[in-house]
Amino acid sequence: MVKENKKPRFNIIDIIIILIMILAVAGIIIRYDIADDINFNATGETFEIEFFVHDILKGTEEYLQAGETFYITIDSIELGTVTEILDVRDTVSYVETVGGDIVESFLLERVDVTGIMRSTGRTTREGNVMINGNAFVAPGTNFFIHTGKRECWITVMDVRPVS
């Protein structure tokens, strides 16, 4: 009997498997490094968000009181908690007359509400405010929110950090 000396042999498939494993580990490391930079689901800073609710039924503004928490209805992500209602006023509508003039008119039984809510989130490197890592908040942004008692559209008027 002849005893053969078996040397470990690597073929191309072994090299590909090792390369895939190295790339997978590198991908995991890079992903966690990027997640730390973006800070998904992080709540580091506190912001005051001034909001505007347009054209809701009179009487339902009572559901938008201080202490109510706003949730974005898609995933019920907490947007913020109302700290103050600044103004409740009759909804204004501009109507064109037969002569072509624009006149100001007030809608019966409809009101507009302006208020401030407090929220937590992060500021990205570009200066954008992110709530829960996935809700971009800036002036002019619209959200369909619910409070548990009411659903409505709000428009963000201003976002400012609380010192």
Protein backbone atom coordinates (compact mmCIF):
# COMPACT_ATOMS: atom_id res chain seq x y z
CA MET A 1 0.00 0.00 0.00
CA VAL A 2 1.21 3.31 -1.00
CA LYS A 3 0.39 6.16 1.28
CA GLU A 4 -0.41 9.40 -0.52
CA ASN A 5 0.29 12.73 0.99
CA LYS A 6 -2.95 14.68 0.66
CA LYS A 7 -2.51 18.42 0.50
CA PRO A 8 -5.46 20.73 1.04
CA ARG A 9 -6.60 21.98 -2.33
CA PHE A 10 -8.57 25.11 -2.91
CA ASN A 11 -10.65 25.47 -5.95
CA ILE A 12 -12.53 28.46 -7.29
CA ILE A 13 -15.76 27.61 -5.40
CA ASP A 14 -13.94 27.66 -2.05
CA ILE A 15 -12.47 31.06 -2.85
CA ILE A 16 -15.90 32.41 -3.86
CA ILE A 17 -17.48 31.14 -0.62
CA ILE A 18 -14.75 32.73 1.51
CA LEU A 19 -15.07 35.98 -0.44
CA ILE A 20 -18.86 36.04 0.06
CA MET A 21 -18.41 35.49 3.81
CA ILE A 22 -15.89 38.34 4.04
CA LEU A 23 -18.21 40.65 2.07
CA ALA A 24 -21.16 39.70 4.32
CA VAL A 25 -19.20 40.57 7.47
CA ALA A 26 -18.03 43.84 5.88
CA GLY A 27 -21.63 44.64 4.88
CA ILE A 28 -22.88 44.10 8.43
CA ILE A 29 -20.16 46.35 9.84
CA ILE A 30 -20.89 49.09 7.30
CA ARG A 31 -24.65 48.83 7.88
CA TYR A 32 -24.31 49.34 11.62
CA ASP A 33 -21.89 52.19 11.06
CA ILE A 34 -24.37 53.88 8.70
CA ALA A 35 -27.25 53.22 11.11
CA ASP A 36 -25.28 54.97 13.85
CA ASP A 37 -24.73 57.95 11.55
CA ILE A 38 -28.40 58.15 10.57
CA ASN A 39 -29.63 57.25 14.07
CA PHE A 40 -32.77 55.36 13.15
CA ASN A 41 -35.41 55.39 15.89
CA ALA A 42 -33.26 57.76 17.91
CA THR A 43 -34.71 60.59 19.95
CA GLY A 44 -31.91 62.94 20.85
CA GLU A 45 -33.20 66.50 20.52
CA THR A 46 -36.46 68.18 21.48
CA PHE A 47 -38.27 70.31 18.92
CA GLU A 48 -41.24 72.63 18.95
CA ILE A 49 -43.39 72.18 15.88
CA GLU A 50 -45.93 74.85 15.04
CA PHE A 51 -48.84 73.30 13.16
CA PHE A 52 -51.95 74.44 11.31
CA VAL A 53 -55.19 72.49 10.95
CA HIS A 54 -57.36 73.85 8.14
CA ASP A 55 -61.12 73.67 7.77
CA ILE A 56 -62.40 71.34 10.49
CA LEU A 57 -65.92 71.18 11.86
CA LYS A 58 -66.56 73.67 14.65
CA GLY A 59 -66.58 71.86 17.99
CA THR A 60 -64.05 69.23 16.97
CA GLU A 61 -61.21 71.59 17.82
CA GLU A 62 -61.86 70.50 21.42
CA TYR A 63 -60.09 67.24 20.52
CA LEU A 64 -56.92 69.19 19.72
CA GLN A 65 -56.21 70.35 23.28
CA ALA A 66 -52.91 70.63 25.11
CA GLY A 67 -51.78 67.19 26.22
CA GLU A 68 -53.14 65.33 23.16
CA THR A 69 -50.57 63.20 21.34
CA PHE A 70 -50.50 63.24 17.56
CA TYR A 71 -49.76 59.98 15.74
CA ILE A 72 -49.03 59.67 12.03
CA THR A 73 -51.79 57.33 10.93
CA ILE A 74 -49.84 55.13 8.53
CA ASP A 75 -47.91 53.31 11.25
CA SER A 76 -49.15 55.19 14.35
CA ILE A 77 -45.71 56.77 14.74
CA GLU A 78 -45.78 59.35 17.52
CA LEU A 79 -45.30 62.77 16.00
CA GLY A 80 -45.55 64.89 19.14
CA THR A 81 -47.67 66.12 22.03
CA VAL A 82 -49.67 69.35 21.82
CA THR A 83 -48.38 71.88 24.33
CA GLU A 84 -50.48 74.89 23.38
CA ILE A 85 -53.30 75.93 21.08
CA LEU A 86 -52.43 79.39 19.76
CA ASP A 87 -55.52 80.32 17.77
CA VAL A 88 -58.94 79.02 16.74
CA ARG A 89 -60.60 81.14 14.07
CA ASP A 90 -63.34 80.87 11.46
CA THR A 91 -62.18 79.32 8.19
CA VAL A 92 -61.68 81.89 5.47
CA SER A 93 -62.55 81.13 1.87
CA TYR A 94 -61.84 83.37 -1.09
CA VAL A 95 -64.58 83.37 -3.71
CA GLU A 96 -64.60 84.91 -7.17
CA THR A 97 -67.67 86.96 -7.93
CA VAL A 98 -69.44 87.11 -11.28
CA GLY A 99 -67.62 90.38 -11.99
CA GLY A 100 -64.24 88.71 -11.46
CA ASP A 101 -63.51 90.23 -8.06
CA ILE A 102 -62.12 88.07 -5.24
CA VAL A 103 -64.03 88.42 -1.97
CA GLU A 104 -63.25 87.06 1.44
CA SER A 105 -65.91 84.77 2.86
CA PHE A 106 -66.16 82.79 6.09
CA LEU A 107 -67.30 79.17 6.01
CA LEU A 108 -70.13 78.47 8.44
CA GLU A 109 -69.41 75.97 11.19
CA ARG A 110 -65.78 75.53 10.06
CA VAL A 111 -62.63 76.61 11.94
CA ASP A 112 -58.86 76.71 11.50
CA VAL A 113 -56.60 75.81 14.42
CA THR A 114 -52.98 76.82 15.02
CA GLY A 115 -50.95 75.25 17.80
CA ILE A 116 -47.58 74.06 19.03
CA MET A 117 -46.51 70.49 19.77
CA ARG A 118 -43.33 69.15 21.28
CA SER A 119 -41.51 66.29 19.63
CA THR A 120 -38.20 64.47 19.83
CA GLY A 121 -35.96 63.43 16.98
CA ARG A 122 -32.63 64.03 15.30
CA THR A 123 -31.21 66.64 13.00
CA THR A 124 -29.44 65.15 9.99
CA ARG A 125 -26.16 66.52 8.65
CA GLU A 126 -28.15 68.45 6.06
CA GLY A 127 -30.17 70.14 8.83
CA ASN A 128 -33.37 68.14 8.30
CA VAL A 129 -35.41 67.04 11.30
CA MET A 130 -36.29 63.33 11.42
CA ILE A 131 -38.81 61.92 13.89
CA ASN A 132 -38.32 58.19 14.66
CA GLY A 133 -35.73 58.01 11.91
CA ASN A 134 -38.31 57.96 9.12
CA ALA A 135 -40.66 60.95 9.40
CA PHE A 136 -39.17 64.04 7.74
CA VAL A 137 -40.50 67.23 9.37
CA ALA A 138 -40.06 70.66 7.81
CA PRO A 139 -42.19 73.76 7.22
CA GLY A 140 -44.82 72.94 4.60
CA THR A 141 -44.88 69.21 5.38
CA ASN A 142 -48.38 67.71 5.65
CA PHE A 143 -49.30 64.78 7.89
CA PHE A 144 -52.53 62.84 8.24
CA ILE A 145 -52.65 62.39 12.02
CA HIS A 146 -54.90 60.91 14.65
CA THR A 147 -55.24 61.50 18.37
CA GLY A 148 -57.34 58.48 19.20
CA LYS A 149 -60.42 60.73 19.11
CA ARG A 150 -59.94 62.61 15.85
CA GLU A 151 -58.23 62.32 12.46
CA CYS A 152 -57.22 65.30 10.36
CA TRP A 153 -54.55 66.79 8.14
CA ILE A 154 -52.02 69.12 9.72
CA THR A 155 -49.49 71.36 8.03
CA VAL A 156 -46.16 72.08 9.73
CA MET A 157 -45.62 75.84 9.84
CA ASP A 158 -42.31 75.98 11.73
CA VAL A 159 -39.81 73.65 13.40
CA ARG A 160 -37.41 74.98 16.01
CA PRO A 161 -35.13 73.24 18.48
CA VAL A 162 -35.80 73.71 22.17
CA SER A 163 -32.68 74.77 24.02
